[in-house]
C-alpha atoms as a PDB file:
ATOM      1  CA  MET A   1     125.124  82.546  84.132  1.00  0.00           C
ATOM      2  CA  THR A   2     122.377  80.929  86.444  1.00  0.00           C
ATOM      3  CA  GLU A   3     121.848  78.293  83.642  1.00  0.00           C
ATOM      4  CA  THR A   4     124.888  76.543  84.790  1.00  0.00           C
ATOM      5  CA  LEU A   5     124.231  76.350  88.508  1.00  0.00           C
ATOM      6  CA  GLY A   6     122.678  73.089  89.479  1.00  0.00           C
ATOM      7  CA  ARG A   7     121.822  73.856  93.151  1.00  0.00           C
ATOM      8  CA  GLU A   8     122.938  70.457  94.125  1.00  0.00           C
ATOM      9  CA  ILE A   9     122.048  70.872  97.834  1.00  0.00           C
ATOM     10  CA  TYR A  10     118.177  71.330  96.920  1.00  0.00           C
ATOM     11  CA  LEU A  11     118.263  68.939  94.092  1.00  0.00           C
ATOM     12  CA  LYS A  12     119.399  66.205  96.493  1.00  0.00           C
ATOM     13  CA  LYS A  13     116.621  67.095  98.751  1.00  0.00           C
ATOM     14  CA  LEU A  14     114.042  66.649  95.869  1.00  0.00           C
ATOM     15  CA  ILE A  15     115.595  63.402  94.832  1.00  0.00           C
ATOM     16  CA  ASN A  16     115.458  62.058  98.518  1.00  0.00           C
ATOM     17  CA  ARG A  17     111.747  62.780  98.570  1.00  0.00           C
ATOM     18  CA  MET A  18     110.746  61.226  95.178  1.00  0.00           C
ATOM     19  CA  HIS A  19     107.729  59.011  95.317  1.00  0.00           C
ATOM     20  CA  ASN A  20     107.356  59.279  99.142  1.00  0.00           C
ATOM     21  CA  GLY A  21     103.498  59.630  98.727  1.00  0.00           C
ATOM     22  CA  GLU A  22     103.649  63.363  99.913  1.00  0.00           C
ATOM     23  CA  ILE A  23     103.195  66.693  98.154  1.00  0.00           C
ATOM     24  CA  LYS A  24     106.617  68.324  97.791  1.00  0.00           C
ATOM     25  CA  ILE A  25     106.213  72.027  98.558  1.00  0.00           C
ATOM     26  CA  ILE A  26     109.148  74.219  97.566  1.00  0.00           C
ATOM     27  CA  THR A  27     108.932  77.526  99.667  1.00  0.00           C
ATOM     28  CA  GLY A  28     111.138  80.545 100.103  1.00  0.00           C
ATOM     29  CA  SER A  29     111.296  84.232  99.424  1.00  0.00           C
ATOM     30  CA  ARG A  30     110.428  85.549  95.961  1.00  0.00           C
ATOM     31  CA  ARG A  31     113.060  85.456  93.197  1.00  0.00           C
ATOM     32  CA  CYS A  32     115.258  83.047  95.291  1.00  0.00           C
ATOM     33  CA  GLY A  33     115.044  80.382  92.568  1.00  0.00           C
ATOM     34  CA  LYS A  34     112.240  77.975  93.480  1.00  0.00           C
ATOM     35  CA  SER A  35     110.828  77.771  89.938  1.00  0.00           C
ATOM     36  CA  TRP A  36     114.194  77.517  88.442  1.00  0.00           C
ATOM     37  CA  LEU A  37     115.025  74.563  90.799  1.00  0.00           C
ATOM     38  CA  LEU A  38     111.857  72.833  89.940  1.00  0.00           C
ATOM     39  CA  LYS A  39     111.355  73.472  86.137  1.00  0.00           C
ATOM     40  CA  LYS A  40     115.038  73.431  84.979  1.00  0.00           C
ATOM     41  CA  VAL A  41     117.286  71.679  87.553  1.00  0.00           C
ATOM     42  CA  PHE A  42     114.937  68.932  88.690  1.00  0.00           C
ATOM     43  CA  LYS A  43     113.393  68.346  85.250  1.00  0.00           C
ATOM     44  CA  SER A  44     116.962  67.996  83.816  1.00  0.00           C
ATOM     45  CA  TYR A  45     117.643  65.372  86.428  1.00  0.00           C
ATOM     46  CA  LEU A  46     114.420  63.383  85.638  1.00  0.00           C
ATOM     47  CA  LEU A  47     115.192  63.366  81.919  1.00  0.00           C
ATOM     48  CA  SER A  48     118.558  62.207  82.692  1.00  0.00           C
ATOM     49  CA  GLN A  49     117.289  59.233  84.511  1.00  0.00           C
ATOM     50  CA  GLY A  50     115.117  58.257  81.515  1.00  0.00           C
ATOM     51  CA  VAL A  51     111.758  59.848  82.320  1.00  0.00           C
ATOM     52  CA  LYS A  52     109.951  60.755  79.162  1.00  0.00           C
ATOM     53  CA  ASP A  53     109.506  64.416  78.644  1.00  0.00           C
ATOM     54  CA  GLU A  54     105.706  64.067  78.216  1.00  0.00           C
ATOM     55  CA  ASN A  55     105.492  62.476  81.610  1.00  0.00           C
ATOM     56  CA  ILE A  56     106.770  65.743  83.185  1.00  0.00           C
ATOM     57  CA  ILE A  57     103.709  67.948  83.345  1.00  0.00           C
ATOM     58  CA  ILE A  58     104.530  71.555  84.156  1.00  0.00           C
ATOM     59  CA  VAL A  59     102.067  74.320  84.586  1.00  0.00           C
ATOM     60  CA  SER A  60     103.141  77.919  85.454  1.00  0.00           C
ATOM     61  CA  LEU A  61     100.192  79.583  86.914  1.00  0.00           C
ATOM     62  CA  ASP A  62     101.483  83.115  87.189  1.00  0.00           C
ATOM     63  CA  ILE A  63     102.098  83.489  83.427  1.00  0.00           C
ATOM     64  CA  GLU A  64      99.927  83.222  80.488  1.00  0.00           C
ATOM     65  CA  ASP A  65     100.703  80.499  78.015  1.00  0.00           C
ATOM     66  CA  GLU A  66     100.805  81.872  74.559  1.00  0.00           C
ATOM     67  CA  ASP A  67     100.137  78.474  73.042  1.00  0.00           C
ATOM     68  CA  SER A  68      96.801  77.846  74.873  1.00  0.00           C
ATOM     69  CA  ASP A  69      93.495  79.603  75.066  1.00  0.00           C
ATOM     70  CA  GLU A  70      92.645  77.944  78.416  1.00  0.00           C
ATOM     71  CA  ASP A  71      92.814  79.651  81.718  1.00  0.00           C
ATOM     72  CA  LEU A  72      94.599  77.071  83.719  1.00  0.00           C
ATOM     73  CA  SER A  73      94.191  79.282  86.947  1.00  0.00           C
ATOM     74  CA  ASP A  74      90.577  78.168  86.864  1.00  0.00           C
ATOM     75  CA  HIS A  75      90.230  75.148  89.096  1.00  0.00           C
ATOM     76  CA  ASP A  76      88.031  73.058  86.814  1.00  0.00           C
ATOM     77  CA  THR A  77      90.020  73.881  83.719  1.00  0.00           C
ATOM     78  CA  LEU A  78      93.355  72.937  85.380  1.00  0.00           C
ATOM     79  CA  LYS A  79      91.885  69.674  86.772  1.00  0.00           C
ATOM     80  CA  LYS A  80      90.616  68.642  83.427  1.00  0.00           C
ATOM     81  CA  TYR A  81      93.956  69.507  81.773  1.00  0.00           C
ATOM     82  CA  LEU A  82      96.002  67.572  84.390  1.00  0.00           C
ATOM     83  CA  TYR A  83      94.145  64.553  84.213  1.00  0.00           C
ATOM     84  CA  SER A  84      94.106  64.648  80.407  1.00  0.00           C
ATOM     85  CA  GLN A  85      97.926  64.476  80.408  1.00  0.00           C
ATOM     86  CA  ILE A  86      97.906  61.448  82.592  1.00  0.00           C
ATOM     87  CA  LYS A  87      97.400  58.863  79.923  1.00  0.00           C
ATOM     88  CA  SER A  88      98.508  55.678  81.599  1.00  0.00           C
ATOM     89  CA  GLU A  89      97.961  54.147  84.951  1.00  0.00           C
ATOM     90  CA  SER A  90     101.179  52.001  84.577  1.00  0.00           C
ATOM     91  CA  GLU A  91     103.619  54.856  83.865  1.00  0.00           C
ATOM     92  CA  GLN A  92     105.011  57.209  86.339  1.00  0.00           C
ATOM     93  CA  TYR A  93     104.190  60.933  86.077  1.00  0.00           C
ATOM     94  CA  TYR A  94     105.631  64.066  87.708  1.00  0.00           C
ATOM     95  CA  VAL A  95     103.447  67.079  88.084  1.00  0.00           C
ATOM     96  CA  PHE A  96     105.033  70.496  88.631  1.00  0.00           C
ATOM     97  CA  LEU A  97     102.538  73.398  89.735  1.00  0.00           C
ATOM     98  CA  ASP A  98     104.322  76.621  89.849  1.00  0.00           C
ATOM     99  CA  GLU A  99     102.585  79.468  91.957  1.00  0.00           C
ATOM    100  CA  ILE A 100      99.725  77.268  92.960  1.00  0.00           C
ATOM    101  CA  GLN A 101      98.160  79.905  95.043  1.00  0.00           C
ATOM    102  CA  GLU A 102      96.745  81.450  91.888  1.00  0.00           C
ATOM    103  CA  VAL A 103      94.033  78.567  91.803  1.00  0.00           C
ATOM    104  CA  GLN A 104      91.116  78.995  94.145  1.00  0.00           C
ATOM    105  CA  ASN A 105      90.465  75.981  96.234  1.00  0.00           C
ATOM    106  CA  PHE A 106      93.490  74.168  94.902  1.00  0.00           C
ATOM    107  CA  GLU A 107      93.862  71.797  98.039  1.00  0.00           C
ATOM    108  CA  LYS A 108      91.577  69.028  96.842  1.00  0.00           C
ATOM    109  CA  LEU A 109      92.934  69.081  93.429  1.00  0.00           C
ATOM    110  CA  VAL A 110      96.657  68.658  94.721  1.00  0.00           C
ATOM    111  CA  ASN A 111      95.644  66.172  97.255  1.00  0.00           C
ATOM    112  CA  GLY A 112      93.705  64.106  94.680  1.00  0.00           C
ATOM    113  CA  LEU A 113      96.780  64.101  92.463  1.00  0.00           C
ATOM    114  CA  ALA A 114      99.063  62.986  95.113  1.00  0.00           C
ATOM    115  CA  ALA A 115      96.712  60.110  96.125  1.00  0.00           C
ATOM    116  CA  LYS A 116      97.320  58.486  92.707  1.00  0.00           C
ATOM    117  CA  ASP A 117     100.013  55.789  92.845  1.00  0.00           C
ATOM    118  CA  ASN A 118     101.721  56.848  89.587  1.00  0.00           C
ATOM    119  CA  VAL A 119     101.776  60.621  90.134  1.00  0.00           C
ATOM    120  CA  ASP A 120     104.519  62.527  92.165  1.00  0.00           C
ATOM    121  CA  VAL A 121     103.450  66.062  92.703  1.00  0.00           C
ATOM    122  CA  TYR A 122     105.627  69.188  93.308  1.00  0.00           C
ATOM    123  CA  ILE A 123     104.408  72.756  93.924  1.00  0.00           C
ATOM    124  CA  THR A 124     105.631  76.213  94.581  1.00  0.00           C
ATOM    125  CA  GLY A 125     103.749  79.272  95.975  1.00  0.00           C
ATOM    126  CA  SER A 126     104.098  82.890  96.581  1.00  0.00           C
ATOM    127  CA  ASN A 127     105.230  84.010  99.917  1.00  0.00           C
ATOM    128  CA  SER A 128     102.541  86.545 100.064  1.00  0.00           C
ATOM    129  CA  LYS A 129      99.736  83.908  99.928  1.00  0.00           C
ATOM    130  CA  PHE A 130     101.229  80.631 100.783  1.00  0.00           C
ATOM    131  CA  LEU A 131     103.478  80.286 103.983  1.00  0.00           C
ATOM    132  CA  SER A 132     104.806  77.607 105.896  1.00  0.00           C
ATOM    133  CA  GLN A 133     101.930  78.044 108.390  1.00  0.00           C
ATOM    134  CA  ASP A 134      99.504  77.410 105.705  1.00  0.00           C
ATOM    135  CA  ILE A 135     101.225  74.072 104.757  1.00  0.00           C
ATOM    136  CA  LYS A 136     100.330  72.510 108.021  1.00  0.00           C
ATOM    137  CA  THR A 137      96.610  73.469 107.789  1.00  0.00           C
ATOM    138  CA  ILE A 138      96.079  72.884 104.038  1.00  0.00           C
ATOM    139  CA  PHE A 139      97.806  69.519 103.569  1.00  0.00           C
ATOM    140  CA  ARG A 140      97.252  67.956 107.007  1.00  0.00           C
ATOM    141  CA  GLY A 141     100.405  66.044 107.227  1.00  0.00           C
ATOM    142  CA  ARG A 142     100.689  65.292 103.520  1.00  0.00           C
ATOM    143  CA  GLY A 143     103.022  68.147 102.586  1.00  0.00           C
ATOM    144  CA  ASP A 144     106.742  67.752 102.677  1.00  0.00           C
ATOM    145  CA  GLU A 145     108.398  71.191 102.732  1.00  0.00           C
ATOM    146  CA  VAL A 146     111.637  72.025 100.894  1.00  0.00           C
ATOM    147  CA  ARG A 147     112.933  75.485 102.106  1.00  0.00           C
ATOM    148  CA  VAL A 148     115.028  77.259  99.421  1.00  0.00           C
ATOM    149  CA  TYR A 149     117.360  80.159 100.057  1.00  0.00           C
ATOM    150  CA  PRO A 150     119.165  82.475  97.875  1.00  0.00           C
ATOM    151  CA  PHE A 151     122.802  81.441  96.611  1.00  0.00           C
ATOM    152  CA  SER A 152     125.257  80.445  99.409  1.00  0.00           C
ATOM    153  CA  PHE A 153     128.593  81.963  98.948  1.00  0.00           C
ATOM    154  CA  SER A 154     129.825  78.631  97.491  1.00  0.00           C
ATOM    155  CA  GLU A 155     127.045  78.709  94.864  1.00  0.00           C
ATOM    156  CA  PHE A 156     127.719  82.368  94.211  1.00  0.00           C
ATOM    157  CA  CYS A 157     131.276  81.650  93.335  1.00  0.00           C
ATOM    158  CA  GLN A 158     130.639  78.906  90.761  1.00  0.00           C
ATOM    159  CA  ASN A 159     132.034  79.572  87.377  1.00  0.00           C
ATOM    160  CA  ARG A 160     133.415  82.986  88.489  1.00  0.00           C
ATOM    161  CA  THR A 161     137.025  84.012  87.891  1.00  0.00           C
ATOM    162  CA  GLU A 162     137.423  86.854  90.310  1.00  0.00           C
ATOM    163  CA  SER A 163     139.546  86.590  93.499  1.00  0.00           C
ATOM    164  CA  THR A 164     137.881  85.277  96.568  1.00  0.00           C
ATOM    165  CA  ALA A 165     138.217  88.582  98.283  1.00  0.00           C
ATOM    166  CA  GLU A 166     136.442  90.380  95.335  1.00  0.00           C
ATOM    167  CA  LEU A 167     133.666  87.780  95.368  1.00  0.00           C
ATOM    168  CA  TRP A 168     133.274  87.990  99.123  1.00  0.00           C
ATOM    169  CA  LYS A 169     132.928  91.701  99.079  1.00  0.00           C
ATOM    170  CA  GLU A 170     130.269  91.610  96.313  1.00  0.00           C
ATOM    171  CA  TYR A 171     128.394  88.822  98.168  1.00  0.00           C
ATOM    172  CA  TYR A 172     128.395  90.645 101.417  1.00  0.00           C
ATOM    173  CA  THR A 173     127.401  93.928  99.789  1.00  0.00           C
ATOM    174  CA  TYR A 174     124.490  92.631  97.506  1.00  0.00           C
ATOM    175  CA  GLY A 175     123.723  89.069  98.785  1.00  0.00           C
ATOM    176  CA  GLY A 176     122.919  85.994  96.846  1.00  0.00           C
ATOM    177  CA  MET A 177     119.705  86.647  94.885  1.00  0.00           C
ATOM    178  CA  PRO A 178     120.164  84.660  91.579  1.00  0.00           C
ATOM    179  CA  ARG A 179     119.351  87.360  89.294  1.00  0.00           C
ATOM    180  CA  LEU A 180     122.143  89.691  90.622  1.00  0.00           C
ATOM    181  CA  ARG A 181     124.673  87.408  88.671  1.00  0.00           C
ATOM    182  CA  ASN A 182     123.208  88.715  85.406  1.00  0.00           C
ATOM    183  CA  LEU A 183     123.443  92.495  86.503  1.00  0.00           C
ATOM    184  CA  LYS A 184     126.724  94.203  85.582  1.00  0.00           C
ATOM    185  CA  THR A 185     126.886  97.490  87.486  1.00  0.00           C
ATOM    186  CA  PRO A 186     126.431  98.447  91.293  1.00  0.00           C
ATOM    187  CA  GLU A 187     123.536 100.720  90.172  1.00  0.00           C
ATOM    188  CA  GLN A 188     121.776  97.974  88.542  1.00  0.00           C
ATOM    189  CA  LYS A 189     122.114  95.660  91.530  1.00  0.00           C
ATOM    190  CA  ALA A 190     121.160  98.220  94.118  1.00  0.00           C
ATOM    191  CA  ARG A 191     118.070  99.285  92.018  1.00  0.00           C
ATOM    192  CA  TYR A 192     117.007  95.617  91.629  1.00  0.00           C
ATOM    193  CA  LEU A 193     117.334  94.877  95.337  1.00  0.00           C
ATOM    194  CA  GLN A 194     115.431  98.089  96.263  1.00  0.00           C
ATOM    195  CA  GLN A 195     112.552  97.447  93.949  1.00  0.00           C
ATOM    196  CA  LEU A 196     112.405  93.799  95.027  1.00  0.00           C
ATOM    197  CA  TRP A 197     112.307  94.799  98.687  1.00  0.00           C
ATOM    198  CA  ASN A 198     109.893  97.666  98.444  1.00  0.00           C
ATOM    199  CA  LYS A 199     107.634  96.567  95.654  1.00  0.00           C
ATOM    200  CA  THR A 200     107.417  92.890  96.207  1.00  0.00           C
ATOM    201  CA  TYR A 201     108.482  91.772  99.787  1.00  0.00           C
ATOM    202  CA  ILE A 202     107.087  94.643 101.848  1.00  0.00           C
ATOM    203  CA  ASP A 203     103.913  95.069  99.724  1.00  0.00           C
ATOM    204  CA  ASP A 204     103.406  91.249 100.117  1.00  0.00           C
ATOM    205  CA  VAL A 205     103.463  91.436 103.868  1.00  0.00           C
ATOM    206  CA  VAL A 206     101.233  94.422 103.949  1.00  0.00           C
ATOM    207  CA  GLU A 207      98.689  92.742 101.656  1.00  0.00           C
ATOM    208  CA  ARG A 208      98.633  89.445 103.297  1.00  0.00           C
ATOM    209  CA  ASN A 209      98.307  90.723 106.940  1.00  0.00           C
ATOM    210  CA  HIS A 210      96.193  93.924 106.168  1.00  0.00           C
ATOM    211  CA  ILE A 211      98.681  96.255 107.743  1.00  0.00           C
ATOM    212  CA  ARG A 212      97.445  99.737 108.086  1.00  0.00           C
ATOM    213  CA  ASN A 213     100.701 101.412 109.149  1.00  0.00           C
ATOM    214  CA  LYS A 214     103.113 100.576 106.508  1.00  0.00           C
ATOM    215  CA  THR A 215     105.536 103.233 107.619  1.00  0.00           C
ATOM    216  CA  ALA A 216     105.854 101.555 110.997  1.00  0.00           C
ATOM    217  CA  LEU A 217     106.514  98.257 109.362  1.00  0.00           C
ATOM    218  CA  GLU A 218     109.217  99.801 107.191  1.00  0.00           C
ATOM    219  CA  SER A 219     110.883 101.519 110.244  1.00  0.00           C
ATOM    220  CA  MET A 220     110.874  98.195 112.070  1.00  0.00           C
ATOM    221  CA  VAL A 221     112.483  96.333 109.133  1.00  0.00           C
ATOM    222  CA  ASP A 222     115.218  99.014 109.040  1.00  0.00           C
ATOM    223  CA  ALA A 223     115.666  98.450 112.741  1.00  0.00           C
ATOM    224  CA  MET A 224     115.916  94.670 112.378  1.00  0.00           C
ATOM    225  CA  CYS A 225     118.271  94.914 109.395  1.00  0.00           C
ATOM    226  CA  SER A 226     120.579  97.001 111.660  1.00  0.00           C
ATOM    227  CA  SER A 227     120.316  94.240 114.401  1.00  0.00           C
ATOM    228  CA  VAL A 228     121.168  91.162 112.272  1.00  0.00           C
ATOM    229  CA  GLY A 229     123.131  88.743 114.516  1.00  0.00           C
ATOM    230  CA  SER A 230     122.256  90.801 117.652  1.00  0.00           C
ATOM    231  CA  LEU A 231     119.964  89.879 120.495  1.00  0.00           C
ATOM    232  CA  VAL A 232     116.665  91.445 120.090  1.00  0.00           C
ATOM    233  CA  ASN A 233     112.973  91.254 121.524  1.00  0.00           C
ATOM    234  CA  PRO A 234     109.949  93.301 120.880  1.00  0.00           C
ATOM    235  CA  THR A 235     110.628  95.615 123.724  1.00  0.00           C
ATOM    236  CA  LYS A 236     114.079  96.504 122.308  1.00  0.00           C
ATOM    237  CA  ILE A 237     112.750  97.104 118.896  1.00  0.00           C
ATOM    238  CA  LYS A 238     109.937  99.360 120.162  1.00  0.00           C
ATOM    239  CA  ASN A 239     112.390 101.311 122.194  1.00  0.00           C
ATOM    240  CA  THR A 240     114.567 101.791 119.322  1.00  0.00           C
ATOM    241  CA  LEU A 241     111.797 102.858 117.079  1.00  0.00           C
ATOM    242  CA  GLN A 242     110.405 105.407 119.753  1.00  0.00           C
ATOM    243  CA  THR A 243     113.973 106.827 120.466  1.00  0.00           C
ATOM    244  CA  ILE A 244     115.634 107.003 117.198  1.00  0.00           C
ATOM    245  CA  GLN A 245     112.938 106.964 114.566  1.00  0.00           C
ATOM    246  CA  LYS A 246     110.187 108.627 116.477  1.00  0.00           C
ATOM    247  CA  VAL A 247     107.667 105.984 115.630  1.00  0.00           C
ATOM    248  CA  ASN A 248     105.112 104.994 118.322  1.00  0.00           C
ATOM    249  CA  ILE A 249     104.445 101.241 118.343  1.00  0.00           C
ATOM    250  CA  ASP A 250     103.377  98.861 121.144  1.00  0.00           C
ATOM    251  CA  ASN A 251     105.053  95.411 122.019  1.00  0.00           C
ATOM    252  CA  GLU A 252     102.223  93.407 120.721  1.00  0.00           C
ATOM    253  CA  THR A 253     102.270  95.064 117.316  1.00  0.00           C
ATOM    254  CA  VAL A 254     106.153  94.569 116.988  1.00  0.00           C
ATOM    255  CA  ALA A 255     105.730  90.891 118.035  1.00  0.00           C
ATOM    256  CA  ASN A 256     103.026  90.458 115.178  1.00  0.00           C
ATOM    257  CA  TYR A 257     105.218  92.291 112.621  1.00  0.00           C
ATOM    258  CA  ILE A 258     108.149  89.985 113.502  1.00  0.00           C
ATOM    259  CA  SER A 259     105.881  87.024 112.990  1.00  0.00           C
ATOM    260  CA  TYR A 260     104.677  88.412 109.590  1.00  0.00           C
ATOM    261  CA  LEU A 261     108.198  88.869 108.432  1.00  0.00           C
ATOM    262  CA  GLU A 262     109.286  85.438 109.528  1.00  0.00           C
ATOM    263  CA  ASN A 263     106.265  83.736 107.964  1.00  0.00           C
ATOM    264  CA  SER A 264     107.202  85.544 104.653  1.00  0.00           C
ATOM    265  CA  PHE A 265     110.779  83.965 104.758  1.00  0.00           C
ATOM    266  CA  LEU A 266     112.399  87.463 105.133  1.00  0.00           C
ATOM    267  CA  PHE A 267     113.897  87.009 108.547  1.00  0.00           C
ATOM    268  CA  GLU A 268     114.515  84.075 110.893  1.00  0.00           C
ATOM    269  CA  GLY A 269     114.951  84.106 114.528  1.00  0.00           C
ATOM    270  CA  ALA A 270     117.754  81.864 116.165  1.00  0.00           C
ATOM    271  CA  LYS A 271     116.712  81.192 119.875  1.00  0.00           C
ATOM    272  CA  ARG A 272     119.104  81.640 122.660  1.00  0.00           C
ATOM    273  CA  TYR A 273     119.917  78.296 124.510  1.00  0.00           C
ATOM    274  CA  ASN A 274     120.981  78.195 128.063  1.00  0.00           C
ATOM    275  CA  ILE A 275     123.499  75.341 128.157  1.00  0.00           C
ATOM    276  CA  GLN A 276     123.801  75.000 131.875  1.00  0.00           C
ATOM    277  CA  ARG A 277     120.017  74.923 132.446  1.00  0.00           C
ATOM    278  CA  LYS A 278     119.370  73.227 129.031  1.00  0.00           C
ATOM    279  CA  LYS A 279     116.492  75.402 128.106  1.00  0.00           C
ATOM    280  CA  ILE A 280     115.739  77.958 125.525  1.00  0.00           C
ATOM    281  CA  PHE A 281     115.277  81.622 126.573  1.00  0.00           C
ATOM    282  CA  ARG A 282     111.856  82.646 125.514  1.00  0.00           C
ATOM    283  CA  LEU A 283     112.211  86.314 124.888  1.00  0.00           C
ATOM    284  CA  ASP A 284     115.611  87.085 123.306  1.00  0.00           C
ATOM    285  CA  SER A 285     116.391  85.843 119.764  1.00  0.00           C
ATOM    286  CA  LYS A 286     119.144  86.720 117.288  1.00  0.00           C
ATOM    287  CA  ILE A 287     117.684  87.993 113.957  1.00  0.00           C
ATOM    288  CA  LEU A 288     118.910  86.474 110.762  1.00  0.00           C
ATOM    289  CA  CYS A 289     118.077  87.586 107.211  1.00  0.00           C
ATOM    290  CA  GLY A 290     116.091  84.952 105.233  1.00  0.00           C
END
């Protein structure tokens, strides 16, 4: 069960950033465990260090609180609530804001909280509306990003009794999304991944970037998934789409789509490096899944 997984690598990163005066921003693809890391793992650590429960202020902005009639996604309501919970200037408080993009004009509110000497601020955001490129603009040097990935193979194997060979086969077939550990059958796992990819990731990219040709994007993603670990560039992808999938697309559009997918944490590019000339090749990269 995911409840027993501490995600120690990311916990250590948060611990090392405590009280540094910056806004800790947990990023990564949807469903990779950002909220769990913050609200369960890191909170448990703080409690173990003697932090009082009432000094850990958690607001989940993507779900409705059944115990409250207030709409905390409203900027002014959220501001009033948060400052009402900070009852002392001498005690340390920790503010967790999950899915902060749900609040309009949240930048000043978050920056204002972080400016208080006794408040440590941690936020997460959806990859459809809150990307790495946004952090540099929104927080102007006051944001400290912690990138979270799905389970590594080591994490995936925790508290499992199967052989290493069986676990590796399951891992390379389905990947390390945390919820997969709670699904029993291959059909359940495949359906979950298909729904997550099509209804969440792809739709996020289309919505965020106002993409008109969703079919071309999906075809390009298929081509990139088939090229993981291989050298690619926009021209190679364009030629593959035109030759095999009969999709007409130009180099500039392919380059833009690659950028959108990388910004959404779905793919990463590993640049080629010329050891003899000590320079990075500009065009070719290896594609890595996010």
